[in-house]
Amino acid sequence: PKGSAKLMNDTSALRFKDSPSGWYE
């Protein structure tokens, strides 16, 4: 309920099966 997120431009370190249309951190 209480969280902060920002646009994540560098996603090279991410290792997930799915490839979302956008990433936030």
PDB file of all heavy atoms in Angstrom:
ATOM      1  N   PRO A   1       0.803  -1.232   0.000  1.00  0.00           N
ATOM      2  CA  PRO A   1       0.000   0.000   0.000  1.00  0.00           C
ATOM      3  C   PRO A   1       0.834   1.280   0.000  1.00  0.00           C
ATOM      4  O   PRO A   1       0.415   2.296  -0.549  1.00  0.00           O
ATOM      5  CB  PRO A   1      -0.822  -0.107   1.285  1.00  0.00           C
ATOM      6  CG  PRO A   1      -0.797  -1.555   1.644  1.00  0.00           C
ATOM      7  CD  PRO A   1       0.523  -2.071   1.172  1.00  0.00           C
ATOM      8  N   LYS A   2       2.007   1.219   0.631  1.00  0.00           N
ATOM      9  CA  LYS A   2       2.865   2.400   0.699  1.00  0.00           C
ATOM     10  C   LYS A   2       4.209   2.051   0.079  1.00  0.00           C
ATOM     11  O   LYS A   2       5.037   1.384   0.686  1.00  0.00           O
ATOM     12  CB  LYS A   2       3.039   2.841   2.155  1.00  0.00           C
ATOM     13  CG  LYS A   2       1.730   3.220   2.835  1.00  0.00           C
ATOM     14  CD  LYS A   2       1.944   3.569   4.297  1.00  0.00           C
ATOM     15  CE  LYS A   2       0.614   3.896   4.977  1.00  0.00           C
ATOM     16  NZ  LYS A   2       0.788   4.194   6.417  1.00  0.00           N
ATOM     17  N   GLY A   3       4.400   2.486  -1.160  1.00  0.00           N
ATOM     18  CA  GLY A   3       5.632   2.159  -1.858  1.00  0.00           C
ATOM     19  C   GLY A   3       6.011   3.230  -2.858  1.00  0.00           C
ATOM     20  O   GLY A   3       5.167   3.991  -3.328  1.00  0.00           O
ATOM     21  N   SER A   4       7.299   3.278  -3.182  1.00  0.00           N
ATOM     22  CA  SER A   4       7.810   4.204  -4.191  1.00  0.00           C
ATOM     23  C   SER A   4       8.459   3.415  -5.312  1.00  0.00           C
ATOM     24  O   SER A   4       9.118   2.400  -5.071  1.00  0.00           O
ATOM     25  CB  SER A   4       8.845   5.159  -3.585  1.00  0.00           C
ATOM     26  OG  SER A   4       8.272   5.940  -2.558  1.00  0.00           O
ATOM     27  N   ALA A   5       8.269   3.874  -6.542  1.00  0.00           N
ATOM     28  CA  ALA A   5       8.867   3.216  -7.699  1.00  0.00           C
ATOM     29  C   ALA A   5       9.274   4.256  -8.722  1.00  0.00           C
ATOM     30  O   ALA A   5       8.659   5.324  -8.819  1.00  0.00           O
ATOM     31  CB  ALA A   5       7.895   2.216  -8.312  1.00  0.00           C
ATOM     32  N   LYS A   6      10.309   3.931  -9.491  1.00  0.00           N
ATOM     33  CA  LYS A   6      10.762   4.819 -10.561  1.00  0.00           C
ATOM     34  C   LYS A   6      10.971   4.002 -11.822  1.00  0.00           C
ATOM     35  O   LYS A   6      11.151   2.783 -11.777  1.00  0.00           O
ATOM     36  CB  LYS A   6      12.065   5.509 -10.158  1.00  0.00           C
ATOM     37  CG  LYS A   6      13.234   4.556  -9.943  1.00  0.00           C
ATOM     38  CD  LYS A   6      14.495   5.306  -9.529  1.00  0.00           C
ATOM     39  CE  LYS A   6      15.663   4.327  -9.345  1.00  0.00           C
ATOM     40  NZ  LYS A   6      16.905   5.038  -8.952  1.00  0.00           N
ATOM     41  N   LEU A   7      10.934   4.672 -12.977  1.00  0.00           N
ATOM     42  CA  LEU A   7      11.191   3.998 -14.234  1.00  0.00           C
ATOM     43  C   LEU A   7      12.575   3.357 -14.214  1.00  0.00           C
ATOM     44  O   LEU A   7      13.542   3.960 -13.737  1.00  0.00           O
ATOM     45  CB  LEU A   7      11.089   4.983 -15.397  1.00  0.00           C
ATOM     46  CG  LEU A   7       9.674   5.428 -15.794  1.00  0.00           C
ATOM     47  CD1 LEU A   7       9.744   6.590 -16.767  1.00  0.00           C
ATOM     48  CD2 LEU A   7       8.899   4.266 -16.379  1.00  0.00           C
ATOM     49  N   MET A   8      12.664   2.135 -14.712  1.00  0.00           N
ATOM     50  CA  MET A   8      13.922   1.391 -14.712  1.00  0.00           C
ATOM     51  C   MET A   8      14.397   1.279 -16.154  1.00  0.00           C
ATOM     52  O   MET A   8      13.836   0.520 -16.951  1.00  0.00           O
ATOM     53  CB  MET A   8      13.709   0.007 -14.082  1.00  0.00           C
ATOM     54  CG  MET A   8      14.965  -0.741 -13.794  1.00  0.00           C
ATOM     55  SD  MET A   8      14.596  -2.290 -12.904  1.00  0.00           S
ATOM     56  CE  MET A   8      16.260  -2.810 -12.470  1.00  0.00           C
ATOM     57  N   ASN A   9      15.427   2.022 -16.499  1.00  0.00           N
ATOM     58  CA  ASN A   9      15.916   2.042 -17.872  1.00  0.00           C
ATOM     59  C   ASN A   9      16.924   0.929 -18.148  1.00  0.00           C
ATOM     60  O   ASN A   9      16.916   0.338 -19.223  1.00  0.00           O
ATOM     61  CB  ASN A   9      16.540   3.405 -18.179  1.00  0.00           C
ATOM     62  CG  ASN A   9      15.519   4.529 -18.108  1.00  0.00           C
ATOM     63  OD1 ASN A   9      14.417   4.393 -18.624  1.00  0.00           O
ATOM     64  ND2 ASN A   9      15.879   5.633 -17.458  1.00  0.00           N
ATOM     65  N   ASP A  10      17.789   0.650 -17.198  1.00  0.00           N
ATOM     66  CA  ASP A  10      18.790  -0.409 -17.364  1.00  0.00           C
ATOM     67  C   ASP A  10      18.260  -1.691 -16.734  1.00  0.00           C
ATOM     68  O   ASP A  10      18.221  -1.823 -15.518  1.00  0.00           O
ATOM     69  CB  ASP A  10      20.109  -0.002 -16.711  1.00  0.00           C
ATOM     70  CG  ASP A  10      21.209  -1.045 -16.916  1.00  0.00           C
ATOM     71  OD1 ASP A  10      20.966  -2.038 -17.649  1.00  0.00           O
ATOM     72  OD2 ASP A  10      22.301  -0.876 -16.346  1.00  0.00           O
ATOM     73  N   THR A  11      17.837  -2.625 -17.573  1.00  0.00           N
ATOM     74  CA  THR A  11      17.276  -3.891 -17.087  1.00  0.00           C
ATOM     75  C   THR A  11      18.194  -5.077 -17.376  1.00  0.00           C
ATOM     76  O   THR A  11      17.769  -6.219 -17.319  1.00  0.00           O
ATOM     77  CB  THR A  11      15.905  -4.138 -17.734  1.00  0.00           C
ATOM     78  OG1 THR A  11      16.065  -4.216 -19.159  1.00  0.00           O
ATOM     79  CG2 THR A  11      14.931  -3.016 -17.394  1.00  0.00           C
ATOM     80  N   SER A  12      19.458  -4.810 -17.672  1.00  0.00           N
ATOM     81  CA  SER A  12      20.387  -5.880 -18.064  1.00  0.00           C
ATOM     82  C   SER A  12      20.642  -6.881 -16.951  1.00  0.00           C
ATOM     83  O   SER A  12      21.007  -8.035 -17.218  1.00  0.00           O
ATOM     84  CB  SER A  12      21.722  -5.271 -18.525  1.00  0.00           C
ATOM     85  OG  SER A  12      22.300  -4.485 -17.483  1.00  0.00           O
ATOM     86  N   ALA A  13      20.447  -6.474 -15.691  1.00  0.00           N
ATOM     87  CA  ALA A  13      20.709  -7.381 -14.571  1.00  0.00           C
ATOM     88  C   ALA A  13      19.508  -8.264 -14.234  1.00  0.00           C
ATOM     89  O   ALA A  13      19.614  -9.158 -13.389  1.00  0.00           O
ATOM     90  CB  ALA A  13      21.110  -6.577 -13.331  1.00  0.00           C
ATOM     91  N   LEU A  14      18.375  -8.046 -14.885  1.00  0.00           N
ATOM     92  CA  LEU A  14      17.160  -8.794 -14.566  1.00  0.00           C
ATOM     93  C   LEU A  14      17.160 -10.142 -15.267  1.00  0.00           C
ATOM     94  O   LEU A  14      17.507 -10.248 -16.443  1.00  0.00           O
ATOM     95  CB  LEU A  14      15.915  -7.997 -14.961  1.00  0.00           C
ATOM     96  CG  LEU A  14      15.793  -6.603 -14.326  1.00  0.00           C
ATOM     97  CD1 LEU A  14      14.485  -5.954 -14.745  1.00  0.00           C
ATOM     98  CD2 LEU A  14      15.908  -6.673 -12.811  1.00  0.00           C
ATOM     99  N   ARG A  15      16.747 -11.186 -14.550  1.00  0.00           N
ATOM    100  CA  ARG A  15      16.725 -12.547 -15.082  1.00  0.00           C
ATOM    101  C   ARG A  15      15.364 -13.181 -14.792  1.00  0.00           C
ATOM    102  O   ARG A  15      15.199 -13.933 -13.830  1.00  0.00           O
ATOM    103  CB  ARG A  15      17.850 -13.392 -14.457  1.00  0.00           C
ATOM    104  CG  ARG A  15      19.256 -12.868 -14.699  1.00  0.00           C
ATOM    105  CD  ARG A  15      19.683 -13.059 -16.155  1.00  0.00           C
ATOM    106  NE  ARG A  15      21.073 -12.659 -16.366  1.00  0.00           N
ATOM    107  CZ  ARG A  15      21.445 -11.440 -16.725  1.00  0.00           C
ATOM    108  NH1 ARG A  15      20.525 -10.497 -16.906  1.00  0.00           N
ATOM    109  NH2 ARG A  15      22.719 -11.144 -16.911  1.00  0.00           N
ATOM    110  N   PHE A  16      14.386 -12.860 -15.610  1.00  0.00           N
ATOM    111  CA  PHE A  16      13.042 -13.405 -15.440  1.00  0.00           C
ATOM    112  C   PHE A  16      12.584 -14.035 -16.745  1.00  0.00           C
ATOM    113  O   PHE A  16      13.005 -13.627 -17.831  1.00  0.00           O
ATOM    114  CB  PHE A  16      12.055 -12.320 -15.002  1.00  0.00           C
ATOM    115  CG  PHE A  16      12.398 -11.674 -13.693  1.00  0.00           C
ATOM    116  CD1 PHE A  16      13.009 -10.430 -13.649  1.00  0.00           C
ATOM    117  CD2 PHE A  16      12.127 -12.323 -12.495  1.00  0.00           C
ATOM    118  CE1 PHE A  16      13.328  -9.839 -12.441  1.00  0.00           C
ATOM    119  CE2 PHE A  16      12.446 -11.736 -11.279  1.00  0.00           C
ATOM    120  CZ  PHE A  16      13.052 -10.496 -11.246  1.00  0.00           C
ATOM    121  N   LYS A  17      11.706 -15.020 -16.648  1.00  0.00           N
ATOM    122  CA  LYS A  17      11.211 -15.704 -17.842  1.00  0.00           C
ATOM    123  C   LYS A  17      10.353 -14.785 -18.695  1.00  0.00           C
ATOM    124  O   LYS A  17      10.388 -14.836 -19.917  1.00  0.00           O
ATOM    125  CB  LYS A  17      10.401 -16.943 -17.442  1.00  0.00           C
ATOM    126  CG  LYS A  17      11.225 -18.050 -16.797  1.00  0.00           C
ATOM    127  CD  LYS A  17      10.356 -19.232 -16.440  1.00  0.00           C
ATOM    128  CE  LYS A  17      11.170 -20.329 -15.782  1.00  0.00           C
ATOM    129  NZ  LYS A  17      10.317 -21.493 -15.392  1.00  0.00           N
ATOM    130  N   ASP A  18       9.566 -13.929 -18.044  1.00  0.00           N
ATOM    131  CA  ASP A  18       8.671 -13.038 -18.763  1.00  0.00           C
ATOM    132  C   ASP A  18       9.367 -11.736 -19.116  1.00  0.00           C
ATOM    133  O   ASP A  18      10.275 -11.281 -18.408  1.00  0.00           O
ATOM    134  CB  ASP A  18       7.427 -12.753 -17.923  1.00  0.00           C
ATOM    135  CG  ASP A  18       6.566 -13.986 -17.767  1.00  0.00           C
ATOM    136  OD1 ASP A  18       5.908 -14.375 -18.741  1.00  0.00           O
ATOM    137  OD2 ASP A  18       6.575 -14.562 -16.666  1.00  0.00           O
ATOM    138  N   SER A  19       8.950 -11.135 -20.218  1.00  0.00           N
ATOM    139  CA  SER A  19       9.507  -9.860 -20.671  1.00  0.00           C
ATOM    140  C   SER A  19       8.388  -8.822 -20.707  1.00  0.00           C
ATOM    141  O   SER A  19       7.690  -8.675 -21.716  1.00  0.00           O
ATOM    142  CB  SER A  19      10.123 -10.015 -22.057  1.00  0.00           C
ATOM    143  OG  SER A  19      11.174 -10.961 -22.037  1.00  0.00           O
ATOM    144  N   PRO A  20       8.188  -8.086 -19.611  1.00  0.00           N
ATOM    145  CA  PRO A  20       7.107  -7.090 -19.564  1.00  0.00           C
ATOM    146  C   PRO A  20       7.325  -5.971 -20.581  1.00  0.00           C
ATOM    147  O   PRO A  20       8.442  -5.744 -21.061  1.00  0.00           O
ATOM    148  CB  PRO A  20       7.200  -6.549 -18.132  1.00  0.00           C
ATOM    149  CG  PRO A  20       7.957  -7.582 -17.366  1.00  0.00           C
ATOM    150  CD  PRO A  20       8.912  -8.185 -18.338  1.00  0.00           C
ATOM    151  N   SER A  21       6.257  -5.260 -20.859  1.00  0.00           N
ATOM    152  CA  SER A  21       6.351  -4.128 -21.771  1.00  0.00           C
ATOM    153  C   SER A  21       7.053  -2.945 -21.114  1.00  0.00           C
ATOM    154  O   SER A  21       7.526  -2.038 -21.800  1.00  0.00           O
ATOM    155  CB  SER A  21       4.957  -3.704 -22.233  1.00  0.00           C
ATOM    156  OG  SER A  21       4.153  -3.356 -21.116  1.00  0.00           O
ATOM    157  N   GLY A  22       7.133  -2.938 -19.796  1.00  0.00           N
ATOM    158  CA  GLY A  22       7.821  -1.874 -19.081  1.00  0.00           C
ATOM    159  C   GLY A  22       8.285  -2.341 -17.715  1.00  0.00           C
ATOM    160  O   GLY A  22       7.702  -3.251 -17.124  1.00  0.00           O
ATOM    161  N   TRP A  23       9.351  -1.711 -17.217  1.00  0.00           N
ATOM    162  CA  TRP A  23       9.898  -2.046 -15.904  1.00  0.00           C
ATOM    163  C   TRP A  23       9.963  -0.799 -15.027  1.00  0.00           C
ATOM    164  O   TRP A  23      10.316   0.287 -15.489  1.00  0.00           O
ATOM    165  CB  TRP A  23      11.322  -2.606 -16.031  1.00  0.00           C
ATOM    166  CG  TRP A  23      11.405  -4.045 -16.407  1.00  0.00           C
ATOM    167  CD1 TRP A  23      11.746  -4.568 -17.630  1.00  0.00           C
ATOM    168  CD2 TRP A  23      11.170  -5.164 -15.556  1.00  0.00           C
ATOM    169  NE1 TRP A  23      11.729  -5.939 -17.593  1.00  0.00           N
ATOM    170  CE2 TRP A  23      11.377  -6.340 -16.337  1.00  0.00           C
ATOM    171  CE3 TRP A  23      10.788  -5.319 -14.222  1.00  0.00           C
ATOM    172  CZ2 TRP A  23      11.231  -7.625 -15.811  1.00  0.00           C
ATOM    173  CZ3 TRP A  23      10.639  -6.588 -13.695  1.00  0.00           C
ATOM    174  CH2 TRP A  23      10.862  -7.717 -14.488  1.00  0.00           C
ATOM    175  N   TYR A  24       9.607  -0.972 -13.761  1.00  0.00           N
ATOM    176  CA  TYR A  24       9.830   0.025 -12.724  1.00  0.00           C
ATOM    177  C   TYR A  24      10.692  -0.611 -11.643  1.00  0.00           C
ATOM    178  O   TYR A  24      10.724  -1.837 -11.505  1.00  0.00           O
ATOM    179  CB  TYR A  24       8.513   0.500 -12.099  1.00  0.00           C
ATOM    180  CG  TYR A  24       7.598   1.220 -13.052  1.00  0.00           C
ATOM    181  CD1 TYR A  24       6.731   0.529 -13.885  1.00  0.00           C
ATOM    182  CD2 TYR A  24       7.607   2.615 -13.114  1.00  0.00           C
ATOM    183  CE1 TYR A  24       5.894   1.194 -14.762  1.00  0.00           C
ATOM    184  CE2 TYR A  24       6.765   3.292 -13.988  1.00  0.00           C
ATOM    185  CZ  TYR A  24       5.913   2.571 -14.812  1.00  0.00           C
ATOM    186  OH  TYR A  24       5.087   3.231 -15.677  1.00  0.00           O
ATOM    187  N   GLU A  25      11.386   0.221 -10.892  1.00  0.00           N
ATOM    188  CA  GLU A  25      12.174  -0.285  -9.756  1.00  0.00           C
ATOM    189  C   GLU A  25      11.568   0.240  -8.461  1.00  0.00           C
ATOM    190  O   GLU A  25      11.370   1.447  -8.303  1.00  0.00           O
ATOM    191  CB  GLU A  25      13.629   0.141  -9.846  1.00  0.00           C
ATOM    192  CG  GLU A  25      14.477  -0.433  -8.716  1.00  0.00           C
ATOM    193  CD  GLU A  25      15.955  -0.171  -8.866  1.00  0.00           C
ATOM    194  OE1 GLU A  25      16.330   0.623  -9.756  1.00  0.00           O
ATOM    195  OE2 GLU A  25      16.738  -0.748  -8.093  1.00  0.00           O
TER     196      GLU A  25
END
